[in-house]
Protein backbone atom coordinates (compact mmCIF):
# COMPACT_ATOMS: atom_id res chain seq x y z
CA MET A 1 36.20 -23.32 7.99
CA THR A 2 32.58 -22.34 8.67
CA GLN A 3 31.93 -18.68 7.87
CA THR A 4 29.95 -16.49 10.47
CA GLY A 5 28.68 -13.15 10.40
CA PHE A 6 27.03 -12.89 7.18
CA GLY A 7 23.74 -11.61 6.19
CA LEU A 8 21.83 -8.04 6.69
CA SER A 9 21.79 -6.64 10.41
CA LEU A 10 17.70 -5.79 10.28
CA PRO A 11 15.75 -5.42 13.11
CA ASP A 12 13.11 -7.75 14.07
CA TYR A 13 9.92 -8.02 12.29
CA PRO A 14 7.54 -5.97 14.62
CA TRP A 15 4.61 -8.34 14.06
CA ASP A 16 6.16 -10.89 15.84
CA THR A 17 5.92 -8.94 19.00
CA LEU A 18 2.39 -9.37 19.24
CA ALA A 19 2.52 -12.99 20.37
CA PRO A 20 1.75 -12.48 23.89
CA TYR A 21 -1.38 -9.81 23.12
CA ARG A 22 -2.43 -13.22 20.51
CA GLN A 23 -2.32 -15.65 23.73
CA THR A 24 -4.24 -13.11 25.95
CA ALA A 25 -6.58 -12.92 22.65
CA ALA A 26 -6.91 -16.67 22.28
CA ALA A 27 -8.15 -17.23 25.62
CA HIS A 28 -11.38 -15.31 25.13
CA PRO A 29 -13.95 -17.59 25.16
CA GLY A 30 -15.46 -16.45 21.68
CA GLY A 31 -11.75 -17.08 20.43
CA ILE A 32 -9.77 -14.15 18.32
CA CYS A 33 -11.33 -11.85 15.87
CA ASP A 34 -8.16 -10.78 14.26
CA LEU A 35 -8.23 -7.26 12.79
CA SER A 36 -4.74 -6.63 12.67
CA ILE A 37 -3.48 -7.25 8.83
CA GLY A 38 -4.94 -6.16 5.91
CA THR A 39 -5.08 -9.51 4.26
CA PRO A 40 -8.00 -10.01 1.71
CA VAL A 41 -10.28 -12.76 3.01
CA ASP A 42 -12.94 -12.59 0.20
CA PRO A 43 -12.75 -15.13 -2.95
CA THR A 44 -10.50 -14.36 -5.50
CA PRO A 45 -13.21 -13.34 -8.70
CA ALA A 46 -13.97 -16.31 -10.64
CA LEU A 47 -12.95 -14.37 -14.07
CA VAL A 48 -9.54 -13.67 -12.79
CA ARG A 49 -9.27 -17.54 -11.76
CA GLU A 50 -10.11 -18.68 -15.01
CA ALA A 51 -7.75 -16.34 -16.88
CA LEU A 52 -5.12 -17.66 -14.68
CA ALA A 53 -6.04 -21.45 -15.36
CA ALA A 54 -6.29 -20.81 -19.39
CA ALA A 55 -2.83 -19.33 -18.94
CA ALA A 56 -1.43 -21.99 -17.20
CA ASP A 57 0.34 -23.88 -19.68
CA TRP A 58 3.42 -21.35 -20.28
CA PRO A 59 6.70 -23.31 -20.51
CA GLY A 60 8.61 -20.23 -21.46
CA TYR A 61 9.94 -17.08 -19.70
CA PRO A 62 7.67 -14.17 -19.23
CA THR A 63 9.01 -10.82 -20.29
CA THR A 64 9.86 -8.41 -17.66
CA THR A 65 8.23 -5.73 -19.58
CA GLY A 66 4.76 -7.75 -19.58
CA THR A 67 2.96 -8.88 -22.07
CA PRO A 68 1.12 -6.34 -24.91
CA GLN A 69 -2.28 -7.41 -23.34
CA LEU A 70 -1.43 -6.60 -19.77
CA ARG A 71 0.23 -3.46 -20.67
CA GLY A 72 -2.41 -2.14 -22.91
CA ALA A 73 -5.18 -3.26 -19.55
CA ILE A 74 -3.09 -1.02 -17.45
CA ALA A 75 -2.97 1.85 -19.73
CA ASP A 76 -6.71 1.62 -20.42
CA TRP A 77 -7.23 1.39 -16.60
CA TYR A 78 -5.26 4.83 -15.92
CA ALA A 79 -7.34 6.31 -18.64
CA ARG A 80 -10.65 5.07 -17.27
CA VAL A 81 -10.25 5.11 -13.66
CA PHE A 82 -7.89 8.49 -13.50
CA GLY A 83 -8.10 10.08 -16.91
CA ALA A 84 -4.44 9.85 -17.37
CA SER A 85 -2.86 8.79 -20.64
CA VAL A 86 0.31 6.51 -20.33
CA ASP A 87 2.00 5.08 -23.03
CA PRO A 88 1.92 1.14 -22.99
CA ALA A 89 5.15 0.61 -24.35
CA THR A 90 7.41 3.15 -22.75
CA GLN A 91 5.53 4.00 -19.20
CA ILE A 92 4.54 0.83 -17.63
CA LEU A 93 6.19 -1.76 -15.89
CA PRO A 94 4.61 -4.93 -13.72
CA LEU A 95 5.56 -5.58 -10.60
CA VAL A 96 5.70 -9.06 -8.13
CA GLY A 97 3.75 -7.34 -5.81
CA SER A 98 4.22 -3.34 -4.66
CA LYS A 99 5.78 -4.23 -1.56
CA GLU A 100 8.90 -5.47 -3.66
CA ALA A 101 8.95 -2.32 -5.54
CA VAL A 102 8.63 -0.01 -2.23
CA ALA A 103 11.64 -2.36 -0.70
CA TRP A 104 13.91 -2.19 -3.85
CA LEU A 105 13.17 1.10 -5.44
CA PRO A 106 16.07 2.88 -3.45
CA THR A 107 18.51 0.12 -4.63
CA LEU A 108 17.24 0.27 -8.16
CA LEU A 109 17.50 3.83 -8.54
CA GLY A 110 21.36 4.12 -7.24
CA LEU A 111 20.44 6.32 -4.69
CA ALA A 112 23.52 4.74 -2.75
CA GLY A 113 25.74 5.78 -5.11
CA ARG A 114 24.76 9.26 -4.72
CA GLY A 115 24.59 9.79 -1.27
CA LEU A 116 20.93 10.38 -1.21
CA ALA A 117 18.29 9.66 1.26
CA VAL A 118 14.65 8.42 1.12
CA ALA A 119 11.94 10.56 2.52
CA HIS A 120 8.70 9.01 3.54
CA PRO A 121 5.47 10.23 5.79
CA ALA A 122 5.52 10.05 9.73
CA ALA A 123 2.80 7.67 10.11
CA ALA A 124 3.85 5.26 7.02
CA TYR A 125 3.99 1.94 5.57
CA PRO A 126 7.29 0.51 7.32
CA THR A 127 8.61 -0.70 4.04
CA TYR A 128 9.14 2.81 2.83
CA ALA A 129 11.79 3.03 5.80
CA MET A 130 13.05 -0.49 5.00
CA GLY A 131 13.84 0.20 1.55
CA ALA A 132 16.34 2.55 2.66
CA THR A 133 17.87 0.55 5.15
CA LEU A 134 18.47 -2.46 2.18
CA ALA A 135 19.81 0.22 0.05
CA GLY A 136 22.49 1.38 2.85
CA VAL A 137 21.10 4.76 2.57
CA GLU A 138 18.96 7.33 5.40
CA ALA A 139 15.63 7.38 5.82
CA ARG A 140 14.05 10.61 6.80
CA VAL A 141 10.40 11.59 8.03
CA LEU A 142 9.48 14.22 5.72
CA ASP A 143 5.10 14.81 5.76
CA VAL A 144 3.50 16.41 2.93
CA ASP A 145 2.44 18.90 5.32
CA ASP A 146 6.11 20.04 6.32
CA ILE A 147 6.70 20.09 2.24
CA LEU A 148 3.94 22.48 1.76
CA ALA A 149 5.46 24.65 4.74
CA GLY A 150 8.54 24.87 2.71
CA ALA A 151 10.76 22.06 4.31
CA SER A 152 13.90 21.38 2.57
CA LEU A 153 14.36 18.41 0.09
CA ASP A 154 18.19 18.66 0.29
CA GLY A 155 19.90 15.25 0.10
CA VAL A 156 16.83 13.56 -0.84
CA GLY A 157 16.68 11.50 -3.83
CA LEU A 158 13.24 9.60 -3.52
CA LEU A 159 10.10 10.65 -1.85
CA TRP A 160 7.30 8.63 -0.86
CA ILE A 161 3.94 9.82 -0.67
CA ASN A 162 0.95 7.57 0.26
CA SER A 163 -2.79 8.45 -0.68
CA PRO A 164 -5.15 6.74 0.72
CA GLY A 165 -2.78 6.65 3.42
CA ASN A 166 -1.54 3.61 5.41
CA PRO A 167 -2.48 3.57 8.11
CA THR A 168 -4.03 6.81 8.50
CA GLY A 169 -6.57 6.46 5.39
CA ARG A 170 -5.89 10.23 4.77
CA VAL A 171 -6.42 11.48 1.28
CA LEU A 172 -4.39 14.03 -0.40
CA ASP A 173 -6.48 16.11 -2.97
CA ALA A 174 -5.07 16.86 -6.69
CA GLY A 175 -4.02 20.65 -5.53
CA THR A 176 -1.83 19.00 -2.95
CA LEU A 177 -0.31 16.64 -4.96
CA ARG A 178 0.14 19.15 -7.50
CA GLU A 179 2.25 21.47 -5.15
CA VAL A 180 4.57 18.63 -4.05
CA ALA A 181 5.04 17.22 -7.51
CA ARG A 182 6.14 20.80 -8.43
CA ARG A 183 8.36 21.21 -5.56
CA THR A 184 10.05 17.57 -5.78
CA ARG A 185 10.84 18.51 -9.20
CA GLU A 186 12.25 21.55 -8.61
CA ALA A 187 14.52 19.66 -6.46
CA GLY A 188 15.41 17.04 -8.82
CA VAL A 189 13.72 14.27 -6.37
CA VAL A 190 11.98 11.12 -7.80
CA LEU A 191 8.09 11.48 -6.37
CA ALA A 192 6.75 7.95 -5.92
CA SER A 193 3.22 7.50 -4.97
CA ASP A 194 1.72 4.54 -3.13
CA GLU A 195 -1.94 4.34 -4.40
CA CYS A 196 -3.18 0.89 -3.84
CA TYR A 197 -5.86 1.82 -1.86
CA ALA A 198 -7.35 4.41 -4.58
CA ARG A 199 -10.64 3.03 -5.18
CA LEU A 200 -11.57 2.72 -1.81
CA GLY A 201 -12.76 5.94 -0.74
CA TRP A 202 -15.55 6.32 1.61
CA GLU A 203 -16.36 9.96 2.95
CA GLY A 204 -16.47 12.13 -0.29
CA HIS A 205 -13.91 10.22 -1.72
CA GLN A 206 -15.07 7.66 -4.36
CA THR A 207 -11.44 7.39 -5.96
CA ALA A 208 -8.77 9.35 -4.66
CA PRO A 209 -6.59 11.35 -7.44
CA SER A 210 -3.63 9.78 -8.78
CA VAL A 211 -0.49 11.57 -9.09
CA LEU A 212 -0.76 10.95 -12.39
CA ASP A 213 -3.90 12.71 -12.92
CA PRO A 214 -3.87 15.34 -15.34
CA ALA A 215 -5.26 17.66 -12.91
CA VAL A 216 -2.05 17.01 -10.67
CA VAL A 217 0.55 16.90 -13.61
CA GLY A 218 -1.12 17.56 -17.16
CA GLU A 219 0.71 15.30 -19.64
CA ASP A 220 4.27 15.69 -18.17
CA HIS A 221 4.76 12.68 -16.15
CA SER A 222 8.70 13.29 -15.71
CA GLY A 223 10.32 12.80 -12.52
CA VAL A 224 7.07 11.13 -11.08
CA LEU A 225 5.65 7.14 -10.49
CA SER A 226 2.40 6.06 -9.71
CA VAL A 227 2.80 2.38 -8.02
CA TYR A 228 -0.61 0.21 -7.93
CA SER A 229 -1.64 -3.03 -6.54
CA LEU A 230 -4.50 -5.15 -7.11
CA SER A 231 -4.11 -7.24 -3.72
CA LYS A 232 -7.05 -5.03 -2.33
CA GLN A 233 -9.32 -4.00 -5.22
CA SER A 234 -9.50 -7.51 -6.50
CA ASN A 235 -8.39 -9.69 -3.70
CA LEU A 236 -5.28 -10.83 -5.42
CA ALA A 237 -2.65 -10.24 -2.64
CA GLY A 238 -1.91 -14.29 -3.30
CA TYR A 239 -1.09 -13.54 -6.87
CA ARG A 240 1.47 -10.72 -6.21
CA ALA A 241 0.00 -8.65 -9.21
CA ALA A 242 1.17 -4.69 -9.38
CA PHE A 243 2.52 -2.41 -11.60
CA LEU A 244 3.78 1.27 -11.83
CA ALA A 245 3.65 3.76 -14.09
CA GLY A 246 4.97 7.02 -14.97
CA ASP A 247 8.24 8.99 -16.34
CA ALA A 248 9.19 7.18 -19.22
CA ALA A 249 13.25 7.35 -18.31
CA LEU A 250 12.67 5.79 -15.22
CA VAL A 251 10.69 3.34 -16.37
CA GLN A 252 13.00 2.42 -18.71
CA SER A 253 15.96 2.45 -16.40
CA LEU A 254 13.92 0.16 -13.44
CA THR A 255 13.13 -2.38 -16.64
CA THR A 256 17.03 -2.82 -17.08
CA ALA A 257 17.43 -3.27 -13.67
CA ARG A 258 14.84 -5.77 -13.15
CA LYS A 259 15.46 -7.80 -15.96
CA HIS A 260 19.42 -8.21 -14.68
CA ALA A 261 17.76 -9.01 -11.13
CA GLY A 262 14.94 -11.42 -12.48
CA MET A 263 12.22 -9.45 -11.12
CA ILE A 264 9.39 -10.74 -13.81
CA MET A 265 5.69 -11.10 -12.98
CA PRO A 266 5.02 -15.14 -13.98
CA GLY A 267 3.41 -15.36 -17.11
CA PRO A 268 -0.21 -16.67 -16.04
CA VAL A 269 -0.58 -13.89 -13.33
CA GLN A 270 0.27 -11.53 -16.19
CA ALA A 271 -3.15 -12.93 -17.96
CA ALA A 272 -5.10 -12.63 -14.62
CA ALA A 273 -4.02 -9.11 -13.92
CA ALA A 274 -4.84 -8.28 -17.38
CA ALA A 275 -8.39 -9.63 -16.85
CA ALA A 276 -8.84 -8.27 -13.26
CA LEU A 277 -8.05 -4.48 -14.73
CA ALA A 278 -10.72 -4.72 -17.36
CA ASP A 279 -13.16 -5.57 -15.33
CA GLU A 280 -15.20 -3.07 -12.96
CA GLU A 281 -17.62 -4.83 -11.69
CA HIS A 282 -16.21 -7.31 -8.99
CA VAL A 283 -14.31 -3.81 -7.88
CA LEU A 284 -17.41 -2.32 -7.01
CA ALA A 285 -19.03 -5.47 -5.10
CA GLN A 286 -16.03 -5.82 -3.33
CA LYS A 287 -15.88 -2.23 -2.15
CA GLU A 288 -19.38 -2.59 -1.16
CA LEU A 289 -18.46 -5.61 1.13
CA TYR A 290 -15.99 -3.34 2.81
CA ARG A 291 -18.46 -0.56 2.74
CA ALA A 292 -20.87 -2.36 4.72
CA ARG A 293 -18.03 -3.84 7.27
CA ARG A 294 -16.92 -0.74 7.84
CA ALA A 295 -20.45 0.52 8.81
CA VAL A 296 -21.04 -2.06 11.45
CA LEU A 297 -17.17 -1.68 12.91
CA ARG A 298 -16.79 2.26 12.99
CA PRO A 299 -19.59 2.69 15.64
CA ALA A 300 -18.32 -0.12 17.67
CA VAL A 301 -15.16 1.23 17.91
CA GLU A 302 -15.92 4.67 18.89
CA ALA A 303 -18.57 3.02 21.63
CA PHE A 304 -15.25 1.21 22.68
CA GLY A 305 -14.39 5.00 23.36
CA ALA A 306 -11.68 5.39 20.79
CA ARG A 307 -11.61 8.54 18.41
CA ILE A 308 -11.46 7.76 14.60
CA ASP A 309 -8.59 9.93 12.76
CA HIS A 310 -8.90 10.50 9.00
CA SER A 311 -9.83 7.08 8.00
CA GLU A 312 -11.69 8.71 4.78
CA ALA A 313 -10.28 5.75 2.32
CA GLY A 314 -9.04 2.78 2.80
CA LEU A 315 -9.29 -0.61 4.79
CA TYR A 316 -8.49 0.70 8.03
CA LEU A 317 -9.85 2.66 11.05
CA TRP A 318 -6.90 4.87 12.83
CA ALA A 319 -8.18 5.01 16.24
CA THR A 320 -6.80 6.40 19.53
CA ARG A 321 -7.99 6.37 23.18
CA ASP A 322 -5.15 8.96 23.74
CA GLU A 323 -3.19 6.74 25.38
CA ASP A 324 0.12 4.68 24.55
CA CYS A 325 -0.97 2.23 21.58
CA TRP A 326 0.08 -0.74 23.74
CA ASP A 327 -2.64 -0.05 26.54
CA THR A 328 -4.97 -0.01 23.88
CA ILE A 329 -3.71 -3.10 22.31
CA ASP A 330 -3.71 -4.83 25.53
CA ALA A 331 -7.49 -3.50 26.54
CA LEU A 332 -8.61 -5.16 22.81
CA ALA A 333 -6.58 -8.33 23.46
CA ARG A 334 -8.72 -9.09 26.60
CA LEU A 335 -11.77 -8.81 24.42
CA GLY A 336 -10.27 -11.00 22.02
CA ILE A 337 -9.81 -8.74 19.49
CA ILE A 338 -6.04 -8.19 17.70
CA ALA A 339 -5.36 -4.78 16.04
CA GLY A 340 -2.16 -3.08 14.84
CA PRO A 341 -0.09 -1.03 17.10
CA GLY A 342 0.42 2.31 15.68
CA VAL A 343 3.97 2.55 16.75
CA PHE A 344 4.73 0.11 14.07
CA TYR A 345 4.14 2.84 11.87
CA GLY A 346 6.37 5.57 13.08
CA GLU A 347 6.51 7.29 16.39
CA ALA A 348 3.73 9.61 15.11
CA GLY A 349 1.63 6.35 15.67
CA ALA A 350 2.45 5.72 19.08
CA GLN A 351 -0.99 6.48 20.53
CA HIS A 352 -3.24 5.01 17.75
CA VAL A 353 -4.11 1.37 16.74
CA ARG A 354 -5.05 0.45 13.17
CA ILE A 355 -7.79 -1.73 13.09
CA ALA A 356 -8.62 -3.51 9.54
CA LEU A 357 -11.81 -4.10 7.71
CA THR A 358 -10.23 -6.98 6.12
CA ALA A 359 -12.30 -9.97 8.07
CA THR A 360 -15.19 -11.70 6.91
CA ASP A 361 -18.75 -10.27 8.05
CA ASP A 362 -18.84 -12.99 11.01
CA VAL A 363 -16.08 -11.78 12.51
CA ILE A 364 -16.73 -7.94 12.29
CA GLU A 365 -20.14 -8.82 13.75
CA GLU A 366 -18.59 -10.47 16.69
CA ALA A 367 -15.82 -7.77 17.18
CA ALA A 368 -18.27 -5.06 17.16
CA ARG A 369 -20.57 -6.69 19.31
CA ARG A 370 -17.60 -6.95 21.76
CA LEU A 371 -16.55 -3.62 21.35
CA ARG A 372 -19.79 -2.23 22.14
CA GLY A 373 -20.14 -4.32 25.42
CA ALA A 374 -16.70 -3.24 26.68
């Protein structure tokens, strides 16, 4: 007998709702300028591709904990970029891209068995809430500003923060991070900081502080995890190369769970990631490409009649014309431009759109030309 009714009951993938606007944009004589998704378009650095190819003969299983070379490269990177000291043997864990860690962290922390919720920012990467759904626990909106104002963390097991923020581009300074870490520790809440845009600061923020920065937590990493991805800084989205670091006891527990689940970064990707982490030149060169694209696009978005909020770091412009985001999306689509509806990131974004810098120079120039002429 055929069984029915199996599978998770999840909402439709939100980006599918953009289909009619894509059709409108496709009708533009100049074609679509897609500024909706933060997918890198520039080449993966040659030194990374060479490291991947050199490690391609990998017949055995890689380790969940990562090679000593990768763990050492990650520890060196935290020390060089953030001045943070992490033990490569006990405080580091490679990830198969950071999204899977965001999605599965509530489950692997066992929040359902404790009846504890996941909290996340009001305008936030949707996978924070989806991770709660997958774990069968409650997702709560809890902004950093709410926490600083004394909002209760009762019933929360995991708090996500994101600096620089997606979609807003907001950067949290070390003092703010320090106070949030103090409050989560007092409440016995795991603090997870999604930092994948940290190297992409623009307005006074060359590198956003990490939650592991000594100015935030000193040398005590208890209750704190930093999550980082190489997708943005090194154009490695297709490699699924990321990692987390922090509380040694949490890292050990997560390592054990990931061993059971087979969540392992492929061996050749581990070699490629180590090579990427050891090289600063390609990171700085890529950042300058984005800086130039931002300099072209930002004034054009403002000429279109939009105000840009935050956006001091990251790969997006968080823009509003003080109207429903779908009205702005429609106006952009009529120019052949696709952006991300702010409501995808929560009701707090219902009057904003997210405009990505992750397009080629030609596409950015064309989009800017259309926006200036609108």
